[in-house]
Amino acid sequence: MRVSDSEFAQLRQMIEAKRKPAQRVHSPELESEFERWFIREALAQTGWHFAYHVRRSDKAQCRAGFPDWIIGSERQRRVIFAELKRDNTKPTPDQENWIRFLRLCGHECHVWRPRDREEVLKVLSGKETSDER
């Protein structure tokens, strides 16, 4: 199941509507900018599509710290839980608890930052070894 052009356009509109105008000079990349790259480049290039995205867990009525993204690949028969962060931020204690729990249950779970772009593409293209997951 691939995301249609119209579904992609709707997702892009949703993200753009929530994006605040950039008012910075040479500051670290915003999480929203990395998220746009993740959708436009990483998922599209590697054939993955999103299944679920949590913008704000408090508004979505889910428990705090749940990963931002659940993505799937029919071709690779994989599901990944992904938390996207800025380069200089760490997961919150609630996010760490979810990540630990999901990994304990055997799920593939990643925390990615803008500096991890190469790794993101490697993981999504299936070029990492199973012990790296």
N, C-alpha and C. Protein backbone atom coordinates (compact mmCIF):
# COMPACT_ATOMS: atom_id res chain seq x y z
N MET A 1 0.84 -1.18 0.00
CA MET A 1 0.00 0.00 0.00
C MET A 1 0.88 1.24 0.00
N ARG A 2 0.79 2.02 -1.03
CA ARG A 2 1.57 3.26 -1.12
C ARG A 2 0.66 4.43 -0.82
N VAL A 3 1.23 5.49 -0.37
CA VAL A 3 0.49 6.72 -0.11
C VAL A 3 0.26 7.40 -1.46
N SER A 4 -0.99 7.72 -1.73
CA SER A 4 -1.30 8.39 -3.00
C SER A 4 -0.82 9.83 -2.97
N ASP A 5 -0.73 10.41 -4.15
CA ASP A 5 -0.30 11.81 -4.24
C ASP A 5 -1.23 12.73 -3.45
N SER A 6 -2.53 12.46 -3.50
CA SER A 6 -3.47 13.31 -2.77
C SER A 6 -3.32 13.14 -1.26
N GLU A 7 -3.06 11.90 -0.80
CA GLU A 7 -2.84 11.68 0.63
C GLU A 7 -1.55 12.38 1.09
N PHE A 8 -0.52 12.30 0.25
CA PHE A 8 0.74 12.96 0.57
C PHE A 8 0.53 14.48 0.63
N ALA A 9 -0.24 15.02 -0.32
CA ALA A 9 -0.51 16.46 -0.33
C ALA A 9 -1.28 16.88 0.92
N GLN A 10 -2.25 16.05 1.34
CA GLN A 10 -3.01 16.36 2.55
C GLN A 10 -2.10 16.37 3.78
N LEU A 11 -1.21 15.38 3.88
CA LEU A 11 -0.29 15.32 5.00
C LEU A 11 0.63 16.54 4.99
N ARG A 12 1.12 16.89 3.83
CA ARG A 12 2.00 18.04 3.71
C ARG A 12 1.27 19.33 4.12
N GLN A 13 0.00 19.48 3.70
CA GLN A 13 -0.79 20.66 4.09
C GLN A 13 -0.96 20.71 5.60
N MET A 14 -1.22 19.54 6.20
CA MET A 14 -1.41 19.48 7.65
C MET A 14 -0.14 19.93 8.37
N ILE A 15 0.99 19.48 7.90
CA ILE A 15 2.25 19.86 8.52
C ILE A 15 2.53 21.34 8.31
N GLU A 16 2.32 21.82 7.10
CA GLU A 16 2.57 23.24 6.79
C GLU A 16 1.67 24.15 7.63
N ALA A 17 0.42 23.74 7.84
CA ALA A 17 -0.52 24.56 8.61
C ALA A 17 -0.06 24.72 10.06
N LYS A 18 0.62 23.71 10.59
CA LYS A 18 1.05 23.76 11.97
C LYS A 18 2.45 24.35 12.12
N ARG A 19 3.14 24.53 11.02
CA ARG A 19 4.51 25.04 11.06
C ARG A 19 4.52 26.54 11.33
N LYS A 20 5.38 26.94 12.22
CA LYS A 20 5.54 28.37 12.49
C LYS A 20 6.61 28.91 11.55
N PRO A 21 6.47 30.14 11.13
CA PRO A 21 7.49 30.69 10.24
C PRO A 21 8.86 30.73 10.92
N ALA A 22 9.87 30.38 10.16
CA ALA A 22 11.23 30.37 10.70
C ALA A 22 11.71 31.79 10.94
N GLN A 23 12.15 32.07 12.15
CA GLN A 23 12.67 33.39 12.49
C GLN A 23 14.01 33.20 13.18
N ARG A 24 14.93 32.55 12.46
CA ARG A 24 16.21 32.26 13.07
C ARG A 24 17.31 32.40 12.04
N VAL A 25 18.49 32.59 12.53
CA VAL A 25 19.65 32.66 11.67
C VAL A 25 20.69 31.69 12.21
N HIS A 26 21.05 30.70 11.44
CA HIS A 26 22.09 29.73 11.78
C HIS A 26 21.83 29.00 13.11
N SER A 27 20.59 28.76 13.46
CA SER A 27 20.32 27.98 14.66
C SER A 27 20.11 26.52 14.25
N PRO A 28 20.12 25.60 15.20
CA PRO A 28 19.96 24.19 14.84
C PRO A 28 18.64 23.94 14.11
N GLU A 29 18.66 22.92 13.29
CA GLU A 29 17.48 22.58 12.51
C GLU A 29 16.30 22.24 13.42
N LEU A 30 15.15 22.77 13.08
CA LEU A 30 13.94 22.48 13.84
C LEU A 30 13.50 21.05 13.59
N GLU A 31 12.84 20.47 14.59
CA GLU A 31 12.31 19.12 14.43
C GLU A 31 11.33 19.05 13.27
N SER A 32 10.53 20.11 13.08
CA SER A 32 9.56 20.11 11.98
C SER A 32 10.24 20.07 10.61
N GLU A 33 11.41 20.71 10.49
CA GLU A 33 12.15 20.67 9.22
C GLU A 33 12.68 19.26 8.96
N PHE A 34 13.18 18.63 10.00
CA PHE A 34 13.66 17.26 9.88
C PHE A 34 12.50 16.33 9.54
N GLU A 35 11.37 16.59 10.16
CA GLU A 35 10.17 15.78 9.88
C GLU A 35 9.75 15.91 8.42
N ARG A 36 9.82 17.11 7.86
CA ARG A 36 9.49 17.29 6.44
C ARG A 36 10.45 16.50 5.56
N TRP A 37 11.74 16.53 5.89
CA TRP A 37 12.71 15.73 5.15
C TRP A 37 12.37 14.25 5.27
N PHE A 38 12.04 13.83 6.49
CA PHE A 38 11.70 12.43 6.76
C PHE A 38 10.55 11.97 5.86
N ILE A 39 9.52 12.79 5.72
CA ILE A 39 8.36 12.45 4.89
C ILE A 39 8.69 12.53 3.40
N ARG A 40 9.25 13.66 3.01
CA ARG A 40 9.46 13.94 1.59
C ARG A 40 10.59 13.11 0.98
N GLU A 41 11.66 12.95 1.72
CA GLU A 41 12.84 12.29 1.16
C GLU A 41 12.95 10.83 1.62
N ALA A 42 13.09 10.63 2.92
CA ALA A 42 13.40 9.30 3.44
C ALA A 42 12.30 8.28 3.14
N LEU A 43 11.07 8.60 3.50
CA LEU A 43 9.99 7.64 3.26
C LEU A 43 9.74 7.45 1.78
N ALA A 44 9.71 8.54 1.04
CA ALA A 44 9.43 8.46 -0.40
C ALA A 44 10.53 7.70 -1.15
N GLN A 45 11.78 7.97 -0.84
CA GLN A 45 12.90 7.32 -1.53
C GLN A 45 12.97 5.83 -1.26
N THR A 46 12.58 5.42 -0.08
CA THR A 46 12.77 4.03 0.31
C THR A 46 11.49 3.20 0.22
N GLY A 47 10.38 3.81 -0.17
CA GLY A 47 9.14 3.06 -0.37
C GLY A 47 8.35 2.78 0.89
N TRP A 48 8.69 3.44 1.98
CA TRP A 48 7.92 3.28 3.22
C TRP A 48 6.74 4.24 3.19
N HIS A 49 5.78 3.97 4.02
CA HIS A 49 4.67 4.91 4.18
C HIS A 49 4.30 4.94 5.65
N PHE A 50 3.70 6.04 6.05
CA PHE A 50 3.36 6.16 7.46
C PHE A 50 2.04 5.47 7.73
N ALA A 51 1.92 4.92 8.90
CA ALA A 51 0.67 4.30 9.33
C ALA A 51 0.02 5.15 10.41
N TYR A 52 0.84 5.82 11.20
CA TYR A 52 0.31 6.60 12.31
C TYR A 52 1.31 7.66 12.69
N HIS A 53 0.82 8.84 12.95
CA HIS A 53 1.68 9.95 13.35
C HIS A 53 1.04 10.68 14.51
N VAL A 54 1.78 10.85 15.59
CA VAL A 54 1.28 11.57 16.76
C VAL A 54 1.90 12.96 16.76
N ARG A 55 1.09 13.97 16.54
CA ARG A 55 1.58 15.35 16.57
C ARG A 55 1.80 15.76 18.03
N ARG A 56 0.77 15.62 18.83
CA ARG A 56 0.87 15.94 20.27
C ARG A 56 0.08 14.89 21.02
N SER A 57 0.77 14.13 21.86
CA SER A 57 0.11 13.02 22.55
C SER A 57 -1.01 13.50 23.46
N ASP A 58 -0.88 14.69 24.05
CA ASP A 58 -1.94 15.19 24.94
C ASP A 58 -3.23 15.47 24.16
N LYS A 59 -3.10 15.94 22.92
CA LYS A 59 -4.28 16.21 22.09
C LYS A 59 -4.84 14.93 21.50
N ALA A 60 -3.98 13.95 21.23
CA ALA A 60 -4.41 12.69 20.62
C ALA A 60 -4.95 11.71 21.66
N GLN A 61 -4.90 12.09 22.91
CA GLN A 61 -5.37 11.27 24.02
C GLN A 61 -4.64 9.94 24.09
N CYS A 62 -3.33 9.99 23.88
CA CYS A 62 -2.53 8.80 24.10
C CYS A 62 -1.53 9.11 25.20
N ARG A 63 -0.95 8.09 25.75
CA ARG A 63 -0.03 8.28 26.87
C ARG A 63 1.20 9.06 26.46
N ALA A 64 1.66 9.90 27.35
CA ALA A 64 2.82 10.75 27.09
C ALA A 64 4.03 9.90 26.70
N GLY A 65 4.78 10.42 25.73
CA GLY A 65 6.03 9.78 25.34
C GLY A 65 5.93 8.78 24.22
N PHE A 66 4.71 8.47 23.76
CA PHE A 66 4.57 7.48 22.68
C PHE A 66 5.31 8.01 21.44
N PRO A 67 6.04 7.15 20.71
CA PRO A 67 6.83 7.62 19.56
C PRO A 67 5.99 8.38 18.54
N ASP A 68 6.65 9.35 17.89
CA ASP A 68 6.00 10.21 16.90
C ASP A 68 5.43 9.44 15.72
N TRP A 69 6.16 8.46 15.25
CA TRP A 69 5.82 7.79 13.99
C TRP A 69 5.79 6.28 14.15
N ILE A 70 4.81 5.67 13.47
CA ILE A 70 4.80 4.23 13.23
C ILE A 70 4.73 4.09 11.72
N ILE A 71 5.78 3.51 11.13
CA ILE A 71 5.83 3.40 9.68
C ILE A 71 5.94 1.93 9.30
N GLY A 72 5.49 1.63 8.10
CA GLY A 72 5.52 0.25 7.65
C GLY A 72 6.01 0.11 6.23
N SER A 73 6.58 -1.05 5.94
CA SER A 73 7.01 -1.39 4.60
C SER A 73 6.49 -2.78 4.27
N GLU A 74 5.59 -2.85 3.30
CA GLU A 74 5.10 -4.16 2.87
C GLU A 74 6.22 -4.96 2.23
N ARG A 75 7.03 -4.29 1.44
CA ARG A 75 8.12 -4.96 0.72
C ARG A 75 9.09 -5.63 1.70
N GLN A 76 9.44 -4.92 2.77
CA GLN A 76 10.38 -5.46 3.76
C GLN A 76 9.68 -6.20 4.89
N ARG A 77 8.36 -6.10 4.93
CA ARG A 77 7.58 -6.72 6.01
C ARG A 77 8.12 -6.31 7.38
N ARG A 78 8.22 -4.99 7.54
CA ARG A 78 8.73 -4.41 8.78
C ARG A 78 7.85 -3.25 9.22
N VAL A 79 7.83 -3.07 10.53
CA VAL A 79 7.19 -1.91 11.14
C VAL A 79 8.23 -1.28 12.05
N ILE A 80 8.34 0.05 11.98
CA ILE A 80 9.30 0.77 12.81
C ILE A 80 8.58 1.85 13.60
N PHE A 81 8.92 1.94 14.87
CA PHE A 81 8.50 3.05 15.72
C PHE A 81 9.65 4.04 15.69
N ALA A 82 9.37 5.31 15.41
CA ALA A 82 10.44 6.30 15.30
C ALA A 82 10.08 7.57 16.07
N GLU A 83 11.04 8.04 16.84
CA GLU A 83 10.93 9.32 17.54
C GLU A 83 11.92 10.26 16.86
N LEU A 84 11.43 11.39 16.36
CA LEU A 84 12.28 12.37 15.69
C LEU A 84 12.57 13.51 16.66
N LYS A 85 13.86 13.84 16.79
CA LYS A 85 14.29 14.88 17.73
C LYS A 85 15.20 15.87 17.01
N ARG A 86 15.41 17.02 17.64
CA ARG A 86 16.44 17.96 17.17
C ARG A 86 17.80 17.40 17.57
N ASP A 87 18.84 17.88 16.92
CA ASP A 87 20.19 17.38 17.21
C ASP A 87 20.58 17.54 18.67
N ASN A 88 20.15 18.61 19.30
CA ASN A 88 20.62 18.90 20.66
C ASN A 88 19.62 18.50 21.74
N THR A 89 18.65 17.66 21.42
CA THR A 89 17.66 17.27 22.43
C THR A 89 17.70 15.76 22.68
N LYS A 90 17.29 15.39 23.87
CA LYS A 90 17.23 13.99 24.26
C LYS A 90 15.76 13.60 24.44
N PRO A 91 15.45 12.32 24.32
CA PRO A 91 14.09 11.88 24.61
C PRO A 91 13.73 12.17 26.07
N THR A 92 12.48 12.47 26.30
CA THR A 92 12.00 12.69 27.66
C THR A 92 11.99 11.36 28.40
N PRO A 93 11.89 11.39 29.72
CA PRO A 93 11.78 10.12 30.47
C PRO A 93 10.60 9.26 29.99
N ASP A 94 9.46 9.88 29.68
CA ASP A 94 8.32 9.11 29.17
C ASP A 94 8.65 8.47 27.82
N GLN A 95 9.35 9.21 26.95
CA GLN A 95 9.75 8.65 25.66
C GLN A 95 10.73 7.50 25.84
N GLU A 96 11.69 7.67 26.75
CA GLU A 96 12.65 6.59 27.04
C GLU A 96 11.93 5.34 27.53
N ASN A 97 10.92 5.52 28.38
CA ASN A 97 10.16 4.36 28.88
C ASN A 97 9.44 3.64 27.74
N TRP A 98 8.81 4.38 26.83
CA TRP A 98 8.13 3.76 25.69
C TRP A 98 9.14 3.02 24.81
N ILE A 99 10.26 3.66 24.52
CA ILE A 99 11.28 3.05 23.67
C ILE A 99 11.78 1.75 24.29
N ARG A 100 12.09 1.79 25.57
CA ARG A 100 12.55 0.59 26.28
C ARG A 100 11.48 -0.51 26.23
N PHE A 101 10.22 -0.14 26.49
CA PHE A 101 9.13 -1.12 26.48
C PHE A 101 8.96 -1.74 25.09
N LEU A 102 8.93 -0.90 24.05
CA LEU A 102 8.74 -1.40 22.69
C LEU A 102 9.88 -2.34 22.27
N ARG A 103 11.11 -1.96 22.60
CA ARG A 103 12.25 -2.83 22.28
C ARG A 103 12.19 -4.13 23.06
N LEU A 104 11.80 -4.06 24.34
CA LEU A 104 11.67 -5.25 25.17
C LEU A 104 10.66 -6.22 24.56
N CYS A 105 9.63 -5.67 23.93
CA CYS A 105 8.59 -6.49 23.30
C CYS A 105 9.00 -6.95 21.89
N GLY A 106 10.22 -6.63 21.49
CA GLY A 106 10.72 -7.11 20.20
C GLY A 106 10.48 -6.19 19.02
N HIS A 107 10.03 -4.97 19.27
CA HIS A 107 9.75 -4.03 18.18
C HIS A 107 11.00 -3.22 17.83
N GLU A 108 11.10 -2.88 16.56
CA GLU A 108 12.19 -2.04 16.09
C GLU A 108 11.82 -0.59 16.40
N CYS A 109 12.68 0.08 17.15
CA CYS A 109 12.38 1.43 17.60
C CYS A 109 13.65 2.27 17.50
N HIS A 110 13.52 3.46 16.90
CA HIS A 110 14.67 4.32 16.68
C HIS A 110 14.39 5.74 17.18
N VAL A 111 15.45 6.43 17.62
CA VAL A 111 15.42 7.86 17.88
C VAL A 111 16.36 8.46 16.85
N TRP A 112 15.82 9.31 15.97
CA TRP A 112 16.62 9.89 14.89
C TRP A 112 16.64 11.40 14.99
N ARG A 113 17.79 11.95 14.65
CA ARG A 113 18.01 13.40 14.63
C ARG A 113 18.49 13.80 13.25
N PRO A 114 18.48 15.09 12.93
CA PRO A 114 18.96 15.52 11.61
C PRO A 114 20.35 14.99 11.26
N ARG A 115 21.23 14.87 12.24
CA ARG A 115 22.58 14.35 11.96
C ARG A 115 22.57 12.87 11.58
N ASP A 116 21.43 12.20 11.76
CA ASP A 116 21.32 10.76 11.48
C ASP A 116 20.74 10.46 10.10
N ARG A 117 20.68 11.45 9.23
CA ARG A 117 20.04 11.24 7.92
C ARG A 117 20.59 10.02 7.18
N GLU A 118 21.90 9.86 7.17
CA GLU A 118 22.50 8.71 6.47
C GLU A 118 22.03 7.39 7.08
N GLU A 119 22.01 7.34 8.41
CA GLU A 119 21.55 6.14 9.11
C GLU A 119 20.07 5.87 8.81
N VAL A 120 19.26 6.93 8.80
CA VAL A 120 17.83 6.77 8.51
C VAL A 120 17.65 6.10 7.15
N LEU A 121 18.34 6.61 6.14
CA LEU A 121 18.22 6.03 4.80
C LEU A 121 18.74 4.60 4.76
N LYS A 122 19.80 4.31 5.49
CA LYS A 122 20.36 2.96 5.55
C LYS A 122 19.35 2.00 6.19
N VAL A 123 18.76 2.40 7.31
CA VAL A 123 17.79 1.55 8.01
C VAL A 123 16.56 1.32 7.14
N LEU A 124 16.02 2.41 6.57
CA LEU A 124 14.79 2.28 5.79
C LEU A 124 15.01 1.52 4.48
N SER A 125 16.21 1.56 3.94
CA SER A 125 16.48 0.81 2.71
C SER A 125 16.79 -0.65 3.00
N GLY A 126 16.89 -1.00 4.29
CA GLY A 126 17.12 -2.40 4.68
C GLY A 126 18.58 -2.81 4.55
N LYS A 127 19.49 -1.85 4.53
CA LYS A 127 20.91 -2.16 4.33
C LYS A 127 21.67 -2.37 5.64
N GLU A 128 21.00 -2.26 6.78
CA GLU A 128 21.68 -2.54 8.04
C GLU A 128 21.53 -4.02 8.33
N THR A 129 22.40 -4.56 9.13
CA THR A 129 22.31 -5.97 9.50
C THR A 129 21.29 -6.13 10.61
N SER A 130 20.79 -7.33 10.78
CA SER A 130 19.74 -7.56 11.77
C SER A 130 20.21 -7.25 13.19
N ASP A 131 21.53 -7.41 13.50
CA ASP A 131 21.99 -7.10 14.84
C ASP A 131 22.09 -5.60 15.09
N GLU A 132 21.98 -4.77 14.05
CA GLU A 132 21.98 -3.32 14.23
C GLU A 132 20.60 -2.79 14.58
N ARG A 133 19.58 -3.59 14.42
CA ARG A 133 18.20 -3.13 14.65
C ARG A 133 17.95 -2.99 16.09
